[in-house]
PDB file of N, CA and C in Angstrom:
ATOM      1  N   MET A   1     120.919 119.381 108.396  1.00  0.00           N
ATOM      2  CA  MET A   1     120.614 118.889 107.068  1.00  0.00           C
ATOM      3  C   MET A   1     121.880 118.405 106.372  1.00  0.00           C
ATOM      4  N   VAL A   2     122.923 119.190 106.445  1.00  0.00           N
ATOM      5  CA  VAL A   2     124.172 118.850 105.758  1.00  0.00           C
ATOM      6  C   VAL A   2     124.761 117.551 106.312  1.00  0.00           C
ATOM      7  N   GLU A   3     124.614 117.338 107.628  1.00  0.00           N
ATOM      8  CA  GLU A   3     125.158 116.123 108.248  1.00  0.00           C
ATOM      9  C   GLU A   3     124.485 114.875 107.677  1.00  0.00           C
ATOM     10  N   TYR A   4     123.155 114.925 107.529  1.00  0.00           N
ATOM     11  CA  TYR A   4     122.439 113.772 106.982  1.00  0.00           C
ATOM     12  C   TYR A   4     122.789 113.543 105.516  1.00  0.00           C
ATOM     13  N   TYR A   5     122.983 114.634 104.776  1.00  0.00           N
ATOM     14  CA  TYR A   5     123.375 114.523 103.374  1.00  0.00           C
ATOM     15  C   TYR A   5     124.746 113.848 103.270  1.00  0.00           C
ATOM     16  N   LYS A   6     125.678 114.310 104.114  1.00  0.00           N
ATOM     17  CA  LYS A   6     127.021 113.706 104.135  1.00  0.00           C
ATOM     18  C   LYS A   6     126.960 112.248 104.575  1.00  0.00           C
ATOM     19  N   LEU A   7     126.087 111.945 105.543  1.00  0.00           N
ATOM     20  CA  LEU A   7     125.947 110.574 106.020  1.00  0.00           C
ATOM     21  C   LEU A   7     125.499 109.649 104.896  1.00  0.00           C
ATOM     22  N   ALA A   8     124.518 110.078 104.116  1.00  0.00           N
ATOM     23  CA  ALA A   8     124.048 109.260 102.993  1.00  0.00           C
ATOM     24  C   ALA A   8     125.163 109.083 101.961  1.00  0.00           C
ATOM     25  N   LEU A   9     125.926 110.132 101.698  1.00  0.00           N
ATOM     26  CA  LEU A   9     127.030 110.021 100.740  1.00  0.00           C
ATOM     27  C   LEU A   9     128.168 109.165 101.279  1.00  0.00           C
ATOM     28  N   SER A  10     128.373 109.193 102.597  1.00  0.00           N
ATOM     29  CA  SER A  10     129.463 108.395 103.171  1.00  0.00           C
ATOM     30  C   SER A  10     129.175 106.896 103.075  1.00  0.00           C
ATOM     31  N   LYS A  11     127.917 106.554 102.946  1.00  0.00           N
ATOM     32  CA  LYS A  11     127.522 105.145 102.749  1.00  0.00           C
ATOM     33  C   LYS A  11     127.249 104.919 101.268  1.00  0.00           C
ATOM     34  N   TYR A  12     128.161 105.394 100.437  1.00  0.00           N
ATOM     35  CA  TYR A  12     128.013 105.490  98.987  1.00  0.00           C
ATOM     36  C   TYR A  12     127.276 104.311  98.350  1.00  0.00           C
ATOM     37  N   ALA A  13     127.758 103.107  98.542  1.00  0.00           N
ATOM     38  CA  ALA A  13     127.153 101.939  97.905  1.00  0.00           C
ATOM     39  C   ALA A  13     126.794 100.885  98.950  1.00  0.00           C
ATOM     40  N   GLN A  14     126.390 101.314 100.114  1.00  0.00           N
ATOM     41  CA  GLN A  14     126.027 100.393 101.188  1.00  0.00           C
ATOM     42  C   GLN A  14     124.526 100.107 101.101  1.00  0.00           C
ATOM     43  N   PHE A  15     124.196  98.898 100.673  1.00  0.00           N
ATOM     44  CA  PHE A  15     122.804  98.507 100.508  1.00  0.00           C
ATOM     45  C   PHE A  15     122.304  97.685 101.690  1.00  0.00           C
ATOM     46  N   THR A  16     123.109  97.560 102.728  1.00  0.00           N
ATOM     47  CA  THR A  16     122.706  96.836 103.924  1.00  0.00           C
ATOM     48  C   THR A  16     122.479  97.839 105.045  1.00  0.00           C
ATOM     49  N   GLY A  17     121.737  97.423 106.029  1.00  0.00           N
ATOM     50  CA  GLY A  17     121.477  98.302 107.156  1.00  0.00           C
ATOM     51  C   GLY A  17     120.209  99.102 106.960  1.00  0.00           C
ATOM     52  N   ARG A  18     120.051 100.102 107.801  1.00  0.00           N
ATOM     53  CA  ARG A  18     118.836 100.904 107.835  1.00  0.00           C
ATOM     54  C   ARG A  18     119.179 102.384 107.819  1.00  0.00           C
ATOM     55  N   SER A  19     118.283 103.194 107.249  1.00  0.00           N
ATOM     56  CA  SER A  19     118.437 104.657 107.252  1.00  0.00           C
ATOM     57  C   SER A  19     117.170 105.294 107.797  1.00  0.00           C
ATOM     58  N   ARG A  20     117.362 106.265 108.650  1.00  0.00           N
ATOM     59  CA  ARG A  20     116.239 106.993 109.231  1.00  0.00           C
ATOM     60  C   ARG A  20     115.527 107.843 108.180  1.00  0.00           C
ATOM     61  N   ARG A  21     114.298 108.207 108.499  1.00  0.00           N
ATOM     62  CA  ARG A  21     113.537 109.107 107.625  1.00  0.00           C
ATOM     63  C   ARG A  21     114.295 110.400 107.376  1.00  0.00           C
ATOM     64  N   SER A  22     114.861 110.963 108.448  1.00  0.00           N
ATOM     65  CA  SER A  22     115.553 112.243 108.302  1.00  0.00           C
ATOM     66  C   SER A  22     116.747 112.133 107.355  1.00  0.00           C
ATOM     67  N   GLU A  23     117.498 111.032 107.447  1.00  0.00           N
ATOM     68  CA  GLU A  23     118.630 110.848 106.536  1.00  0.00           C
ATOM     69  C   GLU A  23     118.145 110.800 105.095  1.00  0.00           C
ATOM     70  N   PHE A  24     117.104 110.046 104.832  1.00  0.00           N
ATOM     71  CA  PHE A  24     116.579 109.903 103.474  1.00  0.00           C
ATOM     72  C   PHE A  24     116.036 111.224 102.936  1.00  0.00           C
ATOM     73  N   TRP A  25     115.143 111.872 103.692  1.00  0.00           N
ATOM     74  CA  TRP A  25     114.484 113.073 103.183  1.00  0.00           C
ATOM     75  C   TRP A  25     115.424 114.263 103.094  1.00  0.00           C
ATOM     76  N   TYR A  26     116.398 114.363 104.001  1.00  0.00           N
ATOM     77  CA  TYR A  26     117.377 115.442 103.865  1.00  0.00           C
ATOM     78  C   TYR A  26     118.293 115.202 102.666  1.00  0.00           C
ATOM     79  N   PHE A  27     118.546 113.939 102.345  1.00  0.00           N
ATOM     80  CA  PHE A  27     119.316 113.631 101.135  1.00  0.00           C
ATOM     81  C   PHE A  27     118.524 114.052  99.897  1.00  0.00           C
ATOM     82  N   VAL A  28     117.237 113.764  99.892  1.00  0.00           N
ATOM     83  CA  VAL A  28     116.374 114.183  98.778  1.00  0.00           C
ATOM     84  C   VAL A  28     116.355 115.708  98.674  1.00  0.00           C
ATOM     85  N   LEU A  29     116.183 116.381  99.817  1.00  0.00           N
ATOM     86  CA  LEU A  29     116.171 117.845  99.828  1.00  0.00           C
ATOM     87  C   LEU A  29     117.508 118.413  99.350  1.00  0.00           C
ATOM     88  N   GLY A  30     118.603 117.830  99.799  1.00  0.00           N
ATOM     89  CA  GLY A  30     119.926 118.276  99.367  1.00  0.00           C
ATOM     90  C   GLY A  30     120.107 118.154  97.869  1.00  0.00           C
ATOM     91  N   ASN A  31     119.637 117.045  97.304  1.00  0.00           N
ATOM     92  CA  ASN A  31     119.736 116.865  95.854  1.00  0.00           C
ATOM     93  C   ASN A  31     118.878 117.888  95.115  1.00  0.00           C
ATOM     94  N   PHE A  32     117.718 118.205  95.672  1.00  0.00           N
ATOM     95  CA  PHE A  32     116.854 119.221  95.069  1.00  0.00           C
ATOM     96  C   PHE A  32     117.542 120.590  95.076  1.00  0.00           C
ATOM     97  N   VAL A  33     118.155 120.947  96.193  1.00  0.00           N
ATOM     98  CA  VAL A  33     118.845 122.239  96.311  1.00  0.00           C
ATOM     99  C   VAL A  33     120.025 122.308  95.336  1.00  0.00           C
ATOM    100  N   VAL A  34     120.798 121.229  95.263  1.00  0.00           N
ATOM    101  CA  VAL A  34     121.925 121.211  94.317  1.00  0.00           C
ATOM    102  C   VAL A  34     121.406 121.344  92.888  1.00  0.00           C
ATOM    103  N   GLY A  35     120.283 120.692  92.593  1.00  0.00           N
ATOM    104  CA  GLY A  35     119.683 120.821  91.260  1.00  0.00           C
ATOM    105  C   GLY A  35     119.273 122.249  90.950  1.00  0.00           C
ATOM    106  N   LEU A  36     118.707 122.940  91.939  1.00  0.00           N
ATOM    107  CA  LEU A  36     118.349 124.347  91.744  1.00  0.00           C
ATOM    108  C   LEU A  36     119.588 125.210  91.492  1.00  0.00           C
ATOM    109  N   ILE A  37     120.640 124.944  92.249  1.00  0.00           N
ATOM    110  CA  ILE A  37     121.881 125.710  92.069  1.00  0.00           C
ATOM    111  C   ILE A  37     122.464 125.471  90.685  1.00  0.00           C
ATOM    112  N   ILE A  38     122.447 124.224  90.250  1.00  0.00           N
ATOM    113  CA  ILE A  38     122.946 123.911  88.898  1.00  0.00           C
ATOM    114  C   ILE A  38     122.089 124.615  87.851  1.00  0.00           C
ATOM    115  N   GLY A  39     120.776 124.658  88.084  1.00  0.00           N
ATOM    116  CA  GLY A  39     119.885 125.361  87.159  1.00  0.00           C
ATOM    117  C   GLY A  39     120.173 126.857  87.109  1.00  0.00           C
ATOM    118  N   LEU A  40     120.442 127.450  88.264  1.00  0.00           N
ATOM    119  CA  LEU A  40     120.779 128.879  88.304  1.00  0.00           C
ATOM    120  C   LEU A  40     122.095 129.158  87.600  1.00  0.00           C
ATOM    121  N   VAL A  41     123.083 128.299  87.842  1.00  0.00           N
ATOM    122  CA  VAL A  41     124.381 128.446  87.160  1.00  0.00           C
ATOM    123  C   VAL A  41     124.189 128.309  85.656  1.00  0.00           C
ATOM    124  N   GLY A  42     123.338 127.371  85.270  1.00  0.00           N
ATOM    125  CA  GLY A  42     123.056 127.194  83.846  1.00  0.00           C
ATOM    126  C   GLY A  42     122.365 128.395  83.241  1.00  0.00           C
ATOM    127  N   GLY A  43     121.488 129.039  84.015  1.00  0.00           N
ATOM    128  CA  GLY A  43     120.825 130.236  83.525  1.00  0.00           C
ATOM    129  C   GLY A  43     121.790 131.385  83.306  1.00  0.00           C
ATOM    130  N   ILE A  44     122.840 131.417  84.124  1.00  0.00           N
ATOM    131  CA  ILE A  44     123.831 132.490  84.012  1.00  0.00           C
ATOM    132  C   ILE A  44     124.875 132.163  82.942  1.00  0.00           C
ATOM    133  N   LEU A  45     125.375 130.936  82.943  1.00  0.00           N
ATOM    134  CA  LEU A  45     126.485 130.567  82.058  1.00  0.00           C
ATOM    135  C   LEU A  45     126.064 129.910  80.750  1.00  0.00           C
ATOM    136  N   GLY A  46     124.829 129.448  80.688  1.00  0.00           N
ATOM    137  CA  GLY A  46     124.367 128.827  79.446  1.00  0.00           C
ATOM    138  C   GLY A  46     123.844 127.419  79.672  1.00  0.00           C
ATOM    139  N   ASP A  47     122.945 127.017  78.807  1.00  0.00           N
ATOM    140  CA  ASP A  47     122.293 125.716  78.945  1.00  0.00           C
ATOM    141  C   ASP A  47     123.247 124.541  78.757  1.00  0.00           C
ATOM    142  N   THR A  48     124.243 124.684  77.938  1.00  0.00           N
ATOM    143  CA  THR A  48     125.184 123.595  77.702  1.00  0.00           C
ATOM    144  C   THR A  48     125.941 123.246  78.977  1.00  0.00           C
ATOM    145  N   ILE A  49     126.386 124.240  79.690  1.00  0.00           N
ATOM    146  CA  ILE A  49     127.104 124.015  80.949  1.00  0.00           C
ATOM    147  C   ILE A  49     126.166 123.419  81.982  1.00  0.00           C
ATOM    148  N   SER A  50     124.939 123.922  82.041  1.00  0.00           N
ATOM    149  CA  SER A  50     123.950 123.408  82.987  1.00  0.00           C
ATOM    150  C   SER A  50     123.648 121.940  82.723  1.00  0.00           C
ATOM    151  N   THR A  51     123.499 121.579  81.470  1.00  0.00           N
ATOM    152  CA  THR A  51     123.223 120.187  81.110  1.00  0.00           C
ATOM    153  C   THR A  51     124.393 119.294  81.479  1.00  0.00           C
ATOM    154  N   GLY A  52     125.605 119.748  81.222  1.00  0.00           N
ATOM    155  CA  GLY A  52     126.796 118.967  81.566  1.00  0.00           C
ATOM    156  C   GLY A  52     126.953 118.794  83.062  1.00  0.00           C
ATOM    157  N   LEU A  53     126.783 119.882  83.822  1.00  0.00           N
ATOM    158  CA  LEU A  53     126.882 119.802  85.281  1.00  0.00           C
ATOM    159  C   LEU A  53     125.789 118.910  85.856  1.00  0.00           C
ATOM    160  N   SER A  54     124.590 119.063  85.340  1.00  0.00           N
ATOM    161  CA  SER A  54     123.467 118.260  85.821  1.00  0.00           C
ATOM    162  C   SER A  54     123.708 116.778  85.547  1.00  0.00           C
ATOM    163  N   GLY A  55     124.197 116.475  84.368  1.00  0.00           N
ATOM    164  CA  GLY A  55     124.496 115.080  84.019  1.00  0.00           C
ATOM    165  C   GLY A  55     125.572 114.481  84.910  1.00  0.00           C
ATOM    166  N   LEU A  56     126.619 115.234  85.157  1.00  0.00           N
ATOM    167  CA  LEU A  56     127.698 114.755  86.029  1.00  0.00           C
ATOM    168  C   LEU A  56     127.210 114.547  87.454  1.00  0.00           C
ATOM    169  N   TYR A  57     126.427 115.492  87.959  1.00  0.00           N
ATOM    170  CA  TYR A  57     125.920 115.365  89.319  1.00  0.00           C
ATOM    171  C   TYR A  57     124.980 114.164  89.444  1.00  0.00           C
ATOM    172  N   ASN A  58     124.081 114.012  88.485  1.00  0.00           N
ATOM    173  CA  ASN A  58     123.158 112.874  88.519  1.00  0.00           C
ATOM    174  C   ASN A  58     123.897 111.545  88.436  1.00  0.00           C
ATOM    175  N   LEU A  59     124.941 111.495  87.657  1.00  0.00           N
ATOM    176  CA  LEU A  59     125.754 110.286  87.583  1.00  0.00           C
ATOM    177  C   LEU A  59     126.455 110.010  88.913  1.00  0.00           C
ATOM    178  N   ALA A  60     126.925 111.059  89.562  1.00  0.00           N
ATOM    179  CA  ALA A  60     127.638 110.902  90.834  1.00  0.00           C
ATOM    180  C   ALA A  60     126.727 110.434  91.962  1.00  0.00           C
ATOM    181  N   ILE A  61     125.471 110.842  91.953  1.00  0.00           N
ATOM    182  CA  ILE A  61     124.578 110.478  93.062  1.00  0.00           C
ATOM    183  C   ILE A  61     123.638 109.322  92.721  1.00  0.00           C
ATOM    184  N   PHE A  62     123.788 108.730  91.560  1.00  0.00           N
ATOM    185  CA  PHE A  62     122.901 107.635  91.144  1.00  0.00           C
ATOM    186  C   PHE A  62     122.927 106.473  92.139  1.00  0.00           C
ATOM    187  N   ILE A  63     124.098 105.941  92.412  1.00  0.00           N
ATOM    188  CA  ILE A  63     124.217 104.796  93.327  1.00  0.00           C
ATOM    189  C   ILE A  63     123.880 105.188  94.767  1.00  0.00           C
ATOM    190  N   PRO A  64     124.382 106.319  95.288  1.00  0.00           N
ATOM    191  CA  PRO A  64     123.991 106.676  96.656  1.00  0.00           C
ATOM    192  C   PRO A  64     122.480 106.879  96.819  1.00  0.00           C
ATOM    193  N   SER A  65     121.823 107.375  95.790  1.00  0.00           N
ATOM    194  CA  SER A  65     120.372 107.577  95.867  1.00  0.00           C
ATOM    195  C   SER A  65     119.632 106.253  95.984  1.00  0.00           C
ATOM    196  N   ILE A  66     120.045 105.287  95.209  1.00  0.00           N
ATOM    197  CA  ILE A  66     119.414 103.962  95.291  1.00  0.00           C
ATOM    198  C   ILE A  66     119.738 103.320  96.636  1.00  0.00           C
ATOM    199  N   ALA A  67     120.976 103.459  97.076  1.00  0.00           N
ATOM    200  CA  ALA A  67     121.389 102.835  98.340  1.00  0.00           C
ATOM    201  C   ALA A  67     120.613 103.398  99.528  1.00  0.00           C
ATOM    202  N   VAL A  68     120.447 104.709  99.616  1.00  0.00           N
ATOM    203  CA  VAL A  68     119.723 105.287 100.743  1.00  0.00           C
ATOM    204  C   VAL A  68     118.239 104.938 100.658  1.00  0.00           C
ATOM    205  N   ALA A  69     117.703 104.821  99.464  1.00  0.00           N
ATOM    206  CA  ALA A  69     116.297 104.418  99.302  1.00  0.00           C
ATOM    207  C   ALA A  69     116.090 102.975  99.759  1.00  0.00           C
ATOM    208  N   VAL A  70     117.038 102.109  99.432  1.00  0.00           N
ATOM    209  CA  VAL A  70     116.954 100.700  99.857  1.00  0.00           C
ATOM    210  C   VAL A  70     117.083 100.605 101.377  1.00  0.00           C
ATOM    211  N   ARG A  71     118.040 101.330 101.947  1.00  0.00           N
ATOM    212  CA  ARG A  71     118.193 101.310 103.410  1.00  0.00           C
ATOM    213  C   ARG A  71     116.957 101.867 104.104  1.00  0.00           C
ATOM    214  N   ARG A  72     116.294 102.846 103.490  1.00  0.00           N
ATOM    215  CA  ARG A  72     115.054 103.394 104.063  1.00  0.00           C
ATOM    216  C   ARG A  72     113.950 102.342 104.032  1.00  0.00           C
ATOM    217  N   LEU A  73     113.867 101.569 102.945  1.00  0.00           N
ATOM    218  CA  LEU A  73     112.898 100.475 102.887  1.00  0.00           C
ATOM    219  C   LEU A  73     113.197  99.449 103.973  1.00  0.00           C
ATOM    220  N   HIS A  74     114.474  99.152 104.180  1.00  0.00           N
ATOM    221  CA  HIS A  74     114.859  98.222 105.250  1.00  0.00           C
ATOM    222  C   HIS A  74     114.386  98.736 106.604  1.00  0.00           C
ATOM    223  N   ASP A  75     114.470 100.041 106.808  1.00  0.00           N
ATOM    224  CA  ASP A  75     114.083 100.621 108.087  1.00  0.00           C
ATOM    225  C   ASP A  75     112.582 100.458 108.352  1.00  0.00           C
ATOM    226  N   THR A  76     111.798 100.356 107.294  1.00  0.00           N
ATOM    227  CA  THR A  76     110.359 100.159 107.462  1.00  0.00           C
ATOM    228  C   THR A  76     109.990  98.679 107.448  1.00  0.00           C
ATOM    229  N   GLY A  77     110.991  97.798 107.388  1.00  0.00           N
ATOM    230  CA  GLY A  77     110.741  96.366 107.441  1.00  0.00           C
ATOM    231  C   GLY A  77     110.506  95.723 106.089  1.00  0.00           C
ATOM    232  N   ARG A  78     110.879  96.392 105.009  1.00  0.00           N
ATOM    233  CA  ARG A  78     110.668  95.857 103.671  1.00  0.00           C
ATOM    234  C   ARG A  78     111.998  95.572 102.988  1.00  0.00           C
ATOM    235  N   SER A  79     111.955  94.624 102.088  1.00  0.00           N
ATOM    236  CA  SER A  79     113.141  94.285 101.309  1.00  0.00           C
ATOM    237  C   SER A  79     113.465  95.426 100.350  1.00  0.00           C
ATOM    238  N   GLY A  80     114.743  95.597 100.064  1.00  0.00           N
ATOM    239  CA  GLY A  80     115.170  96.600  99.096  1.00  0.00           C
ATOM    240  C   GLY A  80     114.705  96.299  97.689  1.00  0.00           C
ATOM    241  N   TRP A  81     114.358  95.049  97.425  1.00  0.00           N
ATOM    242  CA  TRP A  81     113.860  94.671  96.102  1.00  0.00           C
ATOM    243  C   TRP A  81     112.549  95.378  95.771  1.00  0.00           C
ATOM    244  N   TRP A  82     111.837  95.859  96.795  1.00  0.00           N
ATOM    245  CA  TRP A  82     110.609  96.617  96.547  1.00  0.00           C
ATOM    246  C   TRP A  82     110.903  97.900  95.772  1.00  0.00           C
ATOM    247  N   TYR A  83     112.142  98.331  95.745  1.00  0.00           N
ATOM    248  CA  TYR A  83     112.497  99.543  94.996  1.00  0.00           C
ATOM    249  C   TYR A  83     112.172  99.385  93.510  1.00  0.00           C
ATOM    250  N   LEU A  84     112.202  98.160  93.024  1.00  0.00           N
ATOM    251  CA  LEU A  84     111.924  97.916  91.609  1.00  0.00           C
ATOM    252  C   LEU A  84     110.496  98.270  91.224  1.00  0.00           C
ATOM    253  N   ILE A  85     109.625  98.393  92.212  1.00  0.00           N
ATOM    254  CA  ILE A  85     108.247  98.779  91.926  1.00  0.00           C
ATOM    255  C   ILE A  85     108.179 100.206  91.385  1.00  0.00           C
ATOM    256  N   ALA A  86     109.260 100.936  91.497  1.00  0.00           N
ATOM    257  CA  ALA A  86     109.312 102.304  90.978  1.00  0.00           C
ATOM    258  C   ALA A  86     109.143 102.334  89.459  1.00  0.00           C
ATOM    259  N   PHE A  87     109.352 101.219  88.804  1.00  0.00           N
ATOM    260  CA  PHE A  87     109.198 101.171  87.350  1.00  0.00           C
ATOM    261  C   PHE A  87     107.741 101.187  86.922  1.00  0.00           C
ATOM    262  N   THR A  88     106.829 101.165  87.879  1.00  0.00           N
ATOM    263  CA  THR A  88     105.408 101.311  87.582  1.00  0.00           C
ATOM    264  C   THR A  88     104.963 102.660  88.122  1.00  0.00           C
ATOM    265  N   ILE A  89     103.934 103.210  87.543  1.00  0.00           N
ATOM    266  CA  ILE A  89     103.450 104.521  87.979  1.00  0.00           C
ATOM    267  C   ILE A  89     102.903 104.450  89.404  1.00  0.00           C
ATOM    268  N   ILE A  90     102.075 103.470  89.675  1.00  0.00           N
ATOM    269  CA  ILE A  90     101.482 103.300  91.007  1.00  0.00           C
ATOM    270  C   ILE A  90     102.573 103.039  92.042  1.00  0.00           C
ATOM    271  N   GLY A  91     103.598 102.294  91.664  1.00  0.00           N
ATOM    272  CA  GLY A  91     104.666 101.933  92.587  1.00  0.00           C
ATOM    273  C   GLY A  91     105.400 103.123  93.163  1.00  0.00           C
ATOM    274  N   ILE A  92     105.517 104.183  92.401  1.00  0.00           N
ATOM    275  CA  ILE A  92     106.206 105.379  92.884  1.00  0.00           C
ATOM    276  C   ILE A  92     105.467 105.951  94.096  1.00  0.00           C
ATOM    277  N   PHE A  93     104.143 105.992  94.019  1.00  0.00           N
ATOM    278  CA  PHE A  93     103.348 106.519  95.138  1.00  0.00           C
ATOM    279  C   PHE A  93     103.439 105.607  96.353  1.00  0.00           C
ATOM    280  N   LEU A  94     103.483 104.308  96.131  1.00  0.00           N
ATOM    281  CA  LEU A  94     103.629 103.357  97.223  1.00  0.00           C
ATOM    282  C   LEU A  94     104.984 103.523  97.910  1.00  0.00           C
ATOM    283  N   LEU A  95     106.032 103.707  97.119  1.00  0.00           N
ATOM    284  CA  LEU A  95     107.360 103.929  97.689  1.00  0.00           C
ATOM    285  C   LEU A  95     107.406 105.208  98.523  1.00  0.00           C
ATOM    286  N   ILE A  96     106.818 106.273  98.015  1.00  0.00           N
ATOM    287  CA  ILE A  96     106.802 107.530  98.764  1.00  0.00           C
ATOM    288  C   ILE A  96     106.085 107.330 100.099  1.00  0.00           C
ATOM    289  N   TYR A  97     104.995 106.592 100.078  1.00  0.00           N
ATOM    290  CA  TYR A  97     104.263 106.297 101.319  1.00  0.00           C
ATOM    291  C   TYR A  97     105.156 105.520 102.285  1.00  0.00           C
ATOM    292  N   TRP A  98     105.826 104.477 101.803  1.00  0.00           N
ATOM    293  CA  TRP A  98     106.691 103.667 102.668  1.00  0.00           C
ATOM    294  C   TRP A  98     107.857 104.483 103.206  1.00  0.00           C
ATOM    295  N   TRP A  99     108.448 105.323 102.356  1.00  0.00           N
ATOM    296  CA  TRP A  99     109.566 106.153 102.799  1.00  0.00           C
ATOM    297  C   TRP A  99     109.141 107.153 103.863  1.00  0.00           C
ATOM    298  N   ALA A 100     107.860 107.531 103.881  1.00  0.00           N
ATOM    299  CA  ALA A 100     107.355 108.488 104.857  1.00  0.00           C
ATOM    300  C   ALA A 100     106.983 107.830 106.186  1.00  0.00           C
ATOM    301  N   LEU A 101     106.909 106.500 106.218  1.00  0.00           N
ATOM    302  CA  LEU A 101     106.554 105.797 107.447  1.00  0.00           C
ATOM    303  C   LEU A 101     107.656 105.912 108.490  1.00  0.00           C
ATOM    304  N   ASP A 102     107.265 105.758 109.740  1.00  0.00           N
ATOM    305  CA  ASP A 102     108.224 105.760 110.839  1.00  0.00           C
ATOM    306  C   ASP A 102     109.041 104.461 110.811  1.00  0.00           C
ATOM    307  N   SER A 103     110.156 104.464 111.484  1.00  0.00           N
ATOM    308  CA  SER A 103     111.011 103.285 111.577  1.00  0.00           C
ATOM    309  C   SER A 103     110.272 102.125 112.222  1.00  0.00           C
ATOM    310  N   GLU A 104     110.590 100.923 111.759  1.00  0.00           N
ATOM    311  CA  GLU A 104     110.064  99.736 112.424  1.00  0.00           C
ATOM    312  C   GLU A 104     110.734  99.663 113.795  1.00  0.00           C
ATOM    313  N   PRO A 105     109.944  99.523 114.852  1.00  0.00           N
ATOM    314  CA  PRO A 105     110.548  99.526 116.189  1.00  0.00           C
ATOM    315  C   PRO A 105     111.461  98.323 116.418  1.00  0.00           C
ATOM    316  N   GLY A 106     112.464  98.544 117.230  1.00  0.00           N
ATOM    317  CA  GLY A 106     113.363  97.457 117.608  1.00  0.00           C
ATOM    318  C   GLY A 106     114.292  97.040 116.485  1.00  0.00           C
ATOM    319  N   VAL A 107     114.769  95.834 116.614  1.00  0.00           N
ATOM    320  CA  VAL A 107     115.706  95.259 115.649  1.00  0.00           C
ATOM    321  C   VAL A 107     114.915  94.484 114.611  1.00  0.00           C
ATOM    322  N   ASN A 108     115.269  94.640 113.348  1.00  0.00           N
ATOM    323  CA  ASN A 108     114.692  93.787 112.320  1.00  0.00           C
ATOM    324  C   ASN A 108     115.834  93.057 111.616  1.00  0.00           C
ATOM    325  N   LYS A 109     115.534  92.318 110.562  1.00  0.00           N
ATOM    326  CA  LYS A 109     116.581  91.488 109.952  1.00  0.00           C
ATOM    327  C   LYS A 109     117.660  92.298 109.229  1.00  0.00           C
ATOM    328  N   TRP A 110     117.478  93.630 109.140  1.00  0.00           N
ATOM    329  CA  TRP A 110     118.503  94.474 108.522  1.00  0.00           C
ATOM    330  C   TRP A 110     119.324  95.233 109.553  1.00  0.00           C
ATOM    331  N   GLY A 111     119.036  95.015 110.822  1.00  0.00           N
ATOM    332  CA  GLY A 111     119.866  95.624 111.853  1.00  0.00           C
ATOM    333  C   GLY A 111     119.059  96.353 112.910  1.00  0.00           C
ATOM    334  N   PRO A 112     119.782  97.007 113.818  1.00  0.00           N
ATOM    335  CA  PRO A 112     119.120  97.743 114.900  1.00  0.00           C
ATOM    336  C   PRO A 112     118.465  99.017 114.370  1.00  0.00           C
ATOM    337  N   ASN A 113     117.510  99.478 115.108  1.00  0.00           N
ATOM    338  CA  ASN A 113     116.801 100.700 114.753  1.00  0.00           C
ATOM    339  C   ASN A 113     117.757 101.889 114.850  1.00  0.00           C
ATOM    340  N   PRO A 114     118.022 102.602 113.745  1.00  0.00           N
ATOM    341  CA  PRO A 114     118.959 103.731 113.801  1.00  0.00           C
ATOM    342  C   PRO A 114     118.401 104.916 114.584  1.00  0.00           C
ATOM    343  N   LYS A 115     117.116 104.950 114.755  1.00  0.00           N
ATOM    344  CA  LYS A 115     116.479 106.054 115.469  1.00  0.00           C
ATOM    345  C   LYS A 115     116.734 105.970 116.967  1.00  0.00           C
ATOM    346  N   THR A 116     116.647 104.755 117.502  1.00  0.00           N
ATOM    347  CA  THR A 116     116.808 104.579 118.939  1.00  0.00           C
ATOM    348  C   THR A 116     118.182 104.050 119.311  1.00  0.00           C
ATOM    349  N   GLY A 117     118.918 103.533 118.324  1.00  0.00           N
ATOM    350  CA  GLY A 117     120.245 103.003 118.591  1.00  0.00           C
ATOM    351  C   GLY A 117     120.224 101.688 119.342  1.00  0.00           C
ATOM    352  N   GLU A 118     119.092 100.989 119.278  1.00  0.00           N
ATOM    353  CA  GLU A 118     118.982  99.706 119.963  1.00  0.00           C
ATOM    354  C   GLU A 118     119.960  98.721 119.342  1.00  0.00           C
ATOM    355  N   ALA A 119     120.838  98.208 120.132  1.00  0.00           N
ATOM    356  CA  ALA A 119     121.837  97.256 119.649  1.00  0.00           C
ATOM    357  C   ALA A 119     121.596  95.918 120.319  1.00  0.00           C
ATOM    358  N   ALA A 120     120.493  95.312 120.005  1.00  0.00           N
ATOM    359  CA  ALA A 120     120.153  94.012 120.583  1.00  0.00           C
ATOM    360  C   ALA A 120     120.752  92.900 119.730  1.00  0.00           C
ATOM    361  N   ASP A 121     120.613  91.690 120.192  1.00  0.00           N
ATOM    362  CA  ASP A 121     121.093  90.529 119.450  1.00  0.00           C
ATOM    363  C   ASP A 121     120.218  90.344 118.220  1.00  0.00           C
ATOM    364  N   ILE A 122     120.814  90.507 117.023  1.00  0.00           N
ATOM    365  CA  ILE A 122     120.022  90.414 115.804  1.00  0.00           C
ATOM    366  C   ILE A 122     120.068  89.020 115.189  1.00  0.00           C
ATOM    367  N   SER A 123     120.772  88.092 115.801  1.00  0.00           N
ATOM    368  CA  SER A 123     120.878  86.761 115.202  1.00  0.00           C
ATOM    369  C   SER A 123     119.529  86.072 115.090  1.00  0.00           C
ATOM    370  N   SER A 124     118.609  86.365 115.997  1.00  0.00           N
ATOM    371  CA  SER A 124     117.300  85.729 115.945  1.00  0.00           C
ATOM    372  C   SER A 124     116.419  86.329 114.836  1.00  0.00           C
ATOM    373  N   HIS A 125     116.816  87.480 114.295  1.00  0.00           N
ATOM    374  CA  HIS A 125     116.032  88.140 113.279  1.00  0.00           C
ATOM    375  C   HIS A 125     116.564  87.888 111.866  1.00  0.00           C
ATOM    376  N   LEU A 126     117.708  87.265 111.750  1.00  0.00           N
ATOM    377  CA  LEU A 126     118.297  87.049 110.444  1.00  0.00           C
ATOM    378  C   LEU A 126     117.609  85.884 109.747  1.00  0.00           C
ATOM    379  N   VAL A 127     117.431  86.048 108.436  1.00  0.00           N
ATOM    380  CA  VAL A 127     116.804  85.012 107.636  1.00  0.00           C
ATOM    381  C   VAL A 127     117.891  84.168 107.001  1.00  0.00           C
ATOM    382  N   ASP A 128     117.738  82.874 107.028  1.00  0.00           N
ATOM    383  CA  ASP A 128     118.730  81.994 106.413  1.00  0.00           C
ATOM    384  C   ASP A 128     118.630  81.998 104.918  1.00  0.00           C
TER     385      ASP A 128
END
């Protein structure tokens, strides 16, 4: 779990390429666990500290969270622009469904399948 969390953070602002389901969902789980820890610390030390820590953490992971979500959409064969559908209530459920889908097999226009490591010629899949 920690390896996938670190992997998502190491690609801090990389909006190109593809991310596996495990990388995405372990990143989500890691953020949830950190949020729980911040909440526990806040319960012990006070709400002001908890709010400050939570705000700093959310600010730090804002861009990596969007980047891994976009790369996950790429892995399912969709443009990262579909992430904007999150601004609608229905869109959130659609995104969760897409994020739960298996990787698109083979190479797509965002690169080789990270699950299988297929490194085929992607020039035929690139859009002009």
